[in-house]
Amino acid sequence: MGKKKAFVLRIQPETLEAMEKWAADEFRSLNGQIEWIITRALKESGRSGKIHATKKNNADHSG
């Protein structure tokens, strides 16, 4: 697995509180929960393959 990038996320306090509760209910960290939700949404939208293809293409052309 590649290195992960950090970024700032601005979020409403009420949304953050709900996300923290959901993460705790699922025995995940908040970061892990957010990543899980994004990954699931990408798979459901049929976009997750594009991410892997892009990473592969970048690796193929990097050297």
PDB file of N, CA and C in Angstrom:
ATOM      1  N   MET A   1       0.850  -1.184   0.000  1.00  0.00           N
ATOM      2  CA  MET A   1       0.000   0.000   0.000  1.00  0.00           C
ATOM      3  C   MET A   1       0.885   1.232   0.000  1.00  0.00           C
ATOM      4  N   GLY A   2       0.482   2.238  -0.763  1.00  0.00           N
ATOM      5  CA  GLY A   2       1.250   3.470  -0.861  1.00  0.00           C
ATOM      6  C   GLY A   2       1.117   4.334   0.384  1.00  0.00           C
ATOM      7  N   LYS A   3       1.920   5.372   0.401  1.00  0.00           N
ATOM      8  CA  LYS A   3       1.844   6.322   1.515  1.00  0.00           C
ATOM      9  C   LYS A   3       0.538   7.090   1.439  1.00  0.00           C
ATOM     10  N   LYS A   4       0.020   7.447   2.603  1.00  0.00           N
ATOM     11  CA  LYS A   4      -1.214   8.219   2.666  1.00  0.00           C
ATOM     12  C   LYS A   4      -0.881   9.696   2.760  1.00  0.00           C
ATOM     13  N   LYS A   5      -1.732  10.523   2.175  1.00  0.00           N
ATOM     14  CA  LYS A   5      -1.558  11.969   2.221  1.00  0.00           C
ATOM     15  C   LYS A   5      -2.483  12.554   3.277  1.00  0.00           C
ATOM     16  N   ALA A   6      -2.019  13.539   3.966  1.00  0.00           N
ATOM     17  CA  ALA A   6      -2.826  14.255   4.948  1.00  0.00           C
ATOM     18  C   ALA A   6      -3.410  15.495   4.300  1.00  0.00           C
ATOM     19  N   PHE A   7      -4.623  15.871   4.726  1.00  0.00           N
ATOM     20  CA  PHE A   7      -5.229  17.105   4.254  1.00  0.00           C
ATOM     21  C   PHE A   7      -6.205  17.606   5.303  1.00  0.00           C
ATOM     22  N   VAL A   8      -6.538  18.871   5.216  1.00  0.00           N
ATOM     23  CA  VAL A   8      -7.454  19.498   6.167  1.00  0.00           C
ATOM     24  C   VAL A   8      -8.885  19.290   5.679  1.00  0.00           C
ATOM     25  N   LEU A   9      -9.757  18.947   6.597  1.00  0.00           N
ATOM     26  CA  LEU A   9     -11.168  18.768   6.284  1.00  0.00           C
ATOM     27  C   LEU A   9     -11.978  19.703   7.182  1.00  0.00           C
ATOM     28  N   ARG A  10     -12.705  20.594   6.557  1.00  0.00           N
ATOM     29  CA  ARG A  10     -13.591  21.476   7.323  1.00  0.00           C
ATOM     30  C   ARG A  10     -14.958  20.812   7.372  1.00  0.00           C
ATOM     31  N   ILE A  11     -15.514  20.707   8.573  1.00  0.00           N
ATOM     32  CA  ILE A  11     -16.771  19.983   8.749  1.00  0.00           C
ATOM     33  C   ILE A  11     -17.586  20.629   9.863  1.00  0.00           C
ATOM     34  N   GLN A  12     -18.873  20.617   9.705  1.00  0.00           N
ATOM     35  CA  GLN A  12     -19.760  21.190  10.719  1.00  0.00           C
ATOM     36  C   GLN A  12     -19.615  20.406  12.030  1.00  0.00           C
ATOM     37  N   PRO A  13     -19.644  21.077  13.166  1.00  0.00           N
ATOM     38  CA  PRO A  13     -19.484  20.390  14.452  1.00  0.00           C
ATOM     39  C   PRO A  13     -20.499  19.259  14.664  1.00  0.00           C
ATOM     40  N   GLU A  14     -21.729  19.459  14.223  1.00  0.00           N
ATOM     41  CA  GLU A  14     -22.758  18.432  14.389  1.00  0.00           C
ATOM     42  C   GLU A  14     -22.438  17.195  13.549  1.00  0.00           C
ATOM     43  N   THR A  15     -21.917  17.422  12.357  1.00  0.00           N
ATOM     44  CA  THR A  15     -21.539  16.316  11.487  1.00  0.00           C
ATOM     45  C   THR A  15     -20.355  15.568  12.080  1.00  0.00           C
ATOM     46  N   LEU A  16     -19.390  16.303  12.591  1.00  0.00           N
ATOM     47  CA  LEU A  16     -18.226  15.689  13.216  1.00  0.00           C
ATOM     48  C   LEU A  16     -18.641  14.826  14.400  1.00  0.00           C
ATOM     49  N   GLU A  17     -19.531  15.338  15.221  1.00  0.00           N
ATOM     50  CA  GLU A  17     -20.004  14.590  16.380  1.00  0.00           C
ATOM     51  C   GLU A  17     -20.694  13.297  15.951  1.00  0.00           C
ATOM     52  N   ALA A  18     -21.524  13.374  14.923  1.00  0.00           N
ATOM     53  CA  ALA A  18     -22.212  12.185  14.418  1.00  0.00           C
ATOM     54  C   ALA A  18     -21.206  11.182  13.847  1.00  0.00           C
ATOM     55  N   MET A  19     -20.193  11.679  13.144  1.00  0.00           N
ATOM     56  CA  MET A  19     -19.162  10.808  12.571  1.00  0.00           C
ATOM     57  C   MET A  19     -18.354  10.123  13.673  1.00  0.00           C
ATOM     58  N   GLU A  20     -18.027  10.858  14.727  1.00  0.00           N
ATOM     59  CA  GLU A  20     -17.276  10.274  15.845  1.00  0.00           C
ATOM     60  C   GLU A  20     -18.081   9.161  16.507  1.00  0.00           C
ATOM     61  N   LYS A  21     -19.383   9.369  16.677  1.00  0.00           N
ATOM     62  CA  LYS A  21     -20.240   8.336  17.278  1.00  0.00           C
ATOM     63  C   LYS A  21     -20.309   7.122  16.374  1.00  0.00           C
ATOM     64  N   TRP A  22     -20.510   7.348  15.078  1.00  0.00           N
ATOM     65  CA  TRP A  22     -20.585   6.252  14.122  1.00  0.00           C
ATOM     66  C   TRP A  22     -19.274   5.454  14.137  1.00  0.00           C
ATOM     67  N   ALA A  23     -18.151   6.145  14.130  1.00  0.00           N
ATOM     68  CA  ALA A  23     -16.849   5.476  14.161  1.00  0.00           C
ATOM     69  C   ALA A  23     -16.715   4.617  15.420  1.00  0.00           C
ATOM     70  N   ALA A  24     -17.093   5.169  16.554  1.00  0.00           N
ATOM     71  CA  ALA A  24     -17.015   4.417  17.811  1.00  0.00           C
ATOM     72  C   ALA A  24     -17.922   3.188  17.765  1.00  0.00           C
ATOM     73  N   ASP A  25     -19.104   3.339  17.198  1.00  0.00           N
ATOM     74  CA  ASP A  25     -20.040   2.213  17.086  1.00  0.00           C
ATOM     75  C   ASP A  25     -19.478   1.094  16.216  1.00  0.00           C
ATOM     76  N   GLU A  26     -18.647   1.452  15.250  1.00  0.00           N
ATOM     77  CA  GLU A  26     -18.058   0.489  14.309  1.00  0.00           C
ATOM     78  C   GLU A  26     -16.644   0.057  14.736  1.00  0.00           C
ATOM     79  N   PHE A  27     -16.199   0.530  15.909  1.00  0.00           N
ATOM     80  CA  PHE A  27     -14.870   0.216  16.435  1.00  0.00           C
ATOM     81  C   PHE A  27     -13.756   0.656  15.479  1.00  0.00           C
ATOM     82  N   ARG A  28     -13.943   1.841  14.909  1.00  0.00           N
ATOM     83  CA  ARG A  28     -12.937   2.425  14.022  1.00  0.00           C
ATOM     84  C   ARG A  28     -12.524   3.782  14.587  1.00  0.00           C
ATOM     85  N   SER A  29     -11.348   4.239  14.152  1.00  0.00           N
ATOM     86  CA  SER A  29     -10.963   5.618  14.433  1.00  0.00           C
ATOM     87  C   SER A  29     -11.807   6.517  13.529  1.00  0.00           C
ATOM     88  N   LEU A  30     -11.869   7.784  13.849  1.00  0.00           N
ATOM     89  CA  LEU A  30     -12.602   8.723  13.000  1.00  0.00           C
ATOM     90  C   LEU A  30     -11.992   8.745  11.605  1.00  0.00           C
ATOM     91  N   ASN A  31     -10.664   8.786  11.531  1.00  0.00           N
ATOM     92  CA  ASN A  31      -9.989   8.780  10.239  1.00  0.00           C
ATOM     93  C   ASN A  31     -10.325   7.500   9.460  1.00  0.00           C
ATOM     94  N   GLY A  32     -10.273   6.365  10.132  1.00  0.00           N
ATOM     95  CA  GLY A  32     -10.599   5.099   9.495  1.00  0.00           C
ATOM     96  C   GLY A  32     -12.033   5.062   8.994  1.00  0.00           C
ATOM     97  N   GLN A  33     -12.941   5.632   9.767  1.00  0.00           N
ATOM     98  CA  GLN A  33     -14.348   5.666   9.369  1.00  0.00           C
ATOM     99  C   GLN A  33     -14.550   6.530   8.123  1.00  0.00           C
ATOM    100  N   ILE A  34     -13.928   7.687   8.104  1.00  0.00           N
ATOM    101  CA  ILE A  34     -14.051   8.576   6.946  1.00  0.00           C
ATOM    102  C   ILE A  34     -13.474   7.895   5.704  1.00  0.00           C
ATOM    103  N   GLU A  35     -12.320   7.255   5.854  1.00  0.00           N
ATOM    104  CA  GLU A  35     -11.710   6.561   4.720  1.00  0.00           C
ATOM    105  C   GLU A  35     -12.601   5.412   4.245  1.00  0.00           C
ATOM    106  N   TRP A  36     -13.198   4.675   5.171  1.00  0.00           N
ATOM    107  CA  TRP A  36     -14.103   3.565   4.833  1.00  0.00           C
ATOM    108  C   TRP A  36     -15.318   4.073   4.057  1.00  0.00           C
ATOM    109  N   ILE A  37     -15.895   5.182   4.508  1.00  0.00           N
ATOM    110  CA  ILE A  37     -17.065   5.760   3.831  1.00  0.00           C
ATOM    111  C   ILE A  37     -16.698   6.196   2.412  1.00  0.00           C
ATOM    112  N   ILE A  38     -15.574   6.855   2.270  1.00  0.00           N
ATOM    113  CA  ILE A  38     -15.144   7.314   0.942  1.00  0.00           C
ATOM    114  C   ILE A  38     -14.886   6.120   0.023  1.00  0.00           C
ATOM    115  N   THR A  39     -14.188   5.118   0.533  1.00  0.00           N
ATOM    116  CA  THR A  39     -13.894   3.925  -0.267  1.00  0.00           C
ATOM    117  C   THR A  39     -15.173   3.228  -0.701  1.00  0.00           C
ATOM    118  N   ARG A  40     -16.122   3.089   0.217  1.00  0.00           N
ATOM    119  CA  ARG A  40     -17.403   2.447  -0.101  1.00  0.00           C
ATOM    120  C   ARG A  40     -18.151   3.247  -1.159  1.00  0.00           C
ATOM    121  N   ALA A  41     -18.173   4.566  -1.017  1.00  0.00           N
ATOM    122  CA  ALA A  41     -18.861   5.415  -1.999  1.00  0.00           C
ATOM    123  C   ALA A  41     -18.213   5.289  -3.377  1.00  0.00           C
ATOM    124  N   LEU A  42     -16.889   5.237  -3.420  1.00  0.00           N
ATOM    125  CA  LEU A  42     -16.187   5.075  -4.694  1.00  0.00           C
ATOM    126  C   LEU A  42     -16.534   3.735  -5.348  1.00  0.00           C
ATOM    127  N   LYS A  43     -16.569   2.673  -4.562  1.00  0.00           N
ATOM    128  CA  LYS A  43     -16.927   1.356  -5.100  1.00  0.00           C
ATOM    129  C   LYS A  43     -18.364   1.349  -5.612  1.00  0.00           C
ATOM    130  N   GLU A  44     -19.283   1.905  -4.824  1.00  0.00           N
ATOM    131  CA  GLU A  44     -20.695   1.914  -5.209  1.00  0.00           C
ATOM    132  C   GLU A  44     -20.941   2.745  -6.467  1.00  0.00           C
ATOM    133  N   SER A  45     -20.124   3.757  -6.693  1.00  0.00           N
ATOM    134  CA  SER A  45     -20.294   4.605  -7.869  1.00  0.00           C
ATOM    135  C   SER A  45     -19.525   4.073  -9.076  1.00  0.00           C
ATOM    136  N   GLY A  46     -18.797   2.981  -8.874  1.00  0.00           N
ATOM    137  CA  GLY A  46     -18.012   2.408  -9.956  1.00  0.00           C
ATOM    138  C   GLY A  46     -16.746   3.177 -10.258  1.00  0.00           C
ATOM    139  N   ARG A  47     -16.287   3.972  -9.318  1.00  0.00           N
ATOM    140  CA  ARG A  47     -15.103   4.802  -9.551  1.00  0.00           C
ATOM    141  C   ARG A  47     -13.840   4.249  -8.896  1.00  0.00           C
ATOM    142  N   SER A  48     -13.932   3.220  -8.110  1.00  0.00           N
ATOM    143  CA  SER A  48     -12.738   2.733  -7.399  1.00  0.00           C
ATOM    144  C   SER A  48     -11.705   2.156  -8.347  1.00  0.00           C
ATOM    145  N   GLY A  49     -12.125   1.542  -9.446  1.00  0.00           N
ATOM    146  CA  GLY A  49     -11.179   1.004 -10.423  1.00  0.00           C
ATOM    147  C   GLY A  49     -10.350   2.088 -11.074  1.00  0.00           C
ATOM    148  N   LYS A  50     -10.932   3.262 -11.251  1.00  0.00           N
ATOM    149  CA  LYS A  50     -10.211   4.374 -11.865  1.00  0.00           C
ATOM    150  C   LYS A  50      -9.050   4.820 -10.984  1.00  0.00           C
ATOM    151  N   ILE A  51      -9.225   4.746  -9.680  1.00  0.00           N
ATOM    152  CA  ILE A  51      -8.163   5.134  -8.754  1.00  0.00           C
ATOM    153  C   ILE A  51      -6.993   4.177  -8.902  1.00  0.00           C
ATOM    154  N   HIS A  52      -7.278   2.870  -8.915  1.00  0.00           N
ATOM    155  CA  HIS A  52      -6.217   1.875  -9.037  1.00  0.00           C
ATOM    156  C   HIS A  52      -5.530   1.987 -10.392  1.00  0.00           C
ATOM    157  N   ALA A  53      -6.284   2.226 -11.442  1.00  0.00           N
ATOM    158  CA  ALA A  53      -5.703   2.364 -12.774  1.00  0.00           C
ATOM    159  C   ALA A  53      -4.793   3.589 -12.836  1.00  0.00           C
ATOM    160  N   THR A  54      -5.223   4.676 -12.224  1.00  0.00           N
ATOM    161  CA  THR A  54      -4.415   5.902 -12.214  1.00  0.00           C
ATOM    162  C   THR A  54      -3.112   5.665 -11.470  1.00  0.00           C
ATOM    163  N   LYS A  55      -3.174   5.007 -10.322  1.00  0.00           N
ATOM    164  CA  LYS A  55      -1.966   4.719  -9.561  1.00  0.00           C
ATOM    165  C   LYS A  55      -1.037   3.830 -10.376  1.00  0.00           C
ATOM    166  N   LYS A  56      -1.591   2.812 -11.037  1.00  0.00           N
ATOM    167  CA  LYS A  56      -0.787   1.910 -11.844  1.00  0.00           C
ATOM    168  C   LYS A  56      -0.149   2.664 -13.008  1.00  0.00           C
ATOM    169  N   ASN A  57      -0.918   3.488 -13.697  1.00  0.00           N
ATOM    170  CA  ASN A  57      -0.391   4.247 -14.813  1.00  0.00           C
ATOM    171  C   ASN A  57       0.713   5.189 -14.376  1.00  0.00           C
ATOM    172  N   ASN A  58       0.530   5.838 -13.236  1.00  0.00           N
ATOM    173  CA  ASN A  58       1.560   6.743 -12.728  1.00  0.00           C
ATOM    174  C   ASN A  58       2.833   5.974 -12.391  1.00  0.00           C
ATOM    175  N   ALA A  59       2.686   4.778 -11.833  1.00  0.00           N
ATOM    176  CA  ALA A  59       3.847   3.960 -11.485  1.00  0.00           C
ATOM    177  C   ALA A  59       4.559   3.504 -12.755  1.00  0.00           C
ATOM    178  N   ASP A  60       3.786   3.158 -13.789  1.00  0.00           N
ATOM    179  CA  ASP A  60       4.365   2.696 -15.054  1.00  0.00           C
ATOM    180  C   ASP A  60       5.158   3.798 -15.750  1.00  0.00           C
ATOM    181  N   HIS A  61       4.774   5.034 -15.552  1.00  0.00           N
ATOM    182  CA  HIS A  61       5.405   6.144 -16.268  1.00  0.00           C
ATOM    183  C   HIS A  61       6.372   6.941 -15.410  1.00  0.00           C
ATOM    184  N   SER A  62       6.654   6.457 -14.208  1.00  0.00           N
ATOM    185  CA  SER A  62       7.478   7.252 -13.308  1.00  0.00           C
ATOM    186  C   SER A  62       8.969   7.011 -13.470  1.00  0.00           C
ATOM    187  N   GLY A  63       9.383   6.036 -14.259  1.00  0.00           N
ATOM    188  CA  GLY A  63      10.793   5.785 -14.248  1.00  0.00           C
ATOM    189  C   GLY A  63      11.383   5.683 -15.561  1.00  0.00           C
TER     190      GLY A  63
END
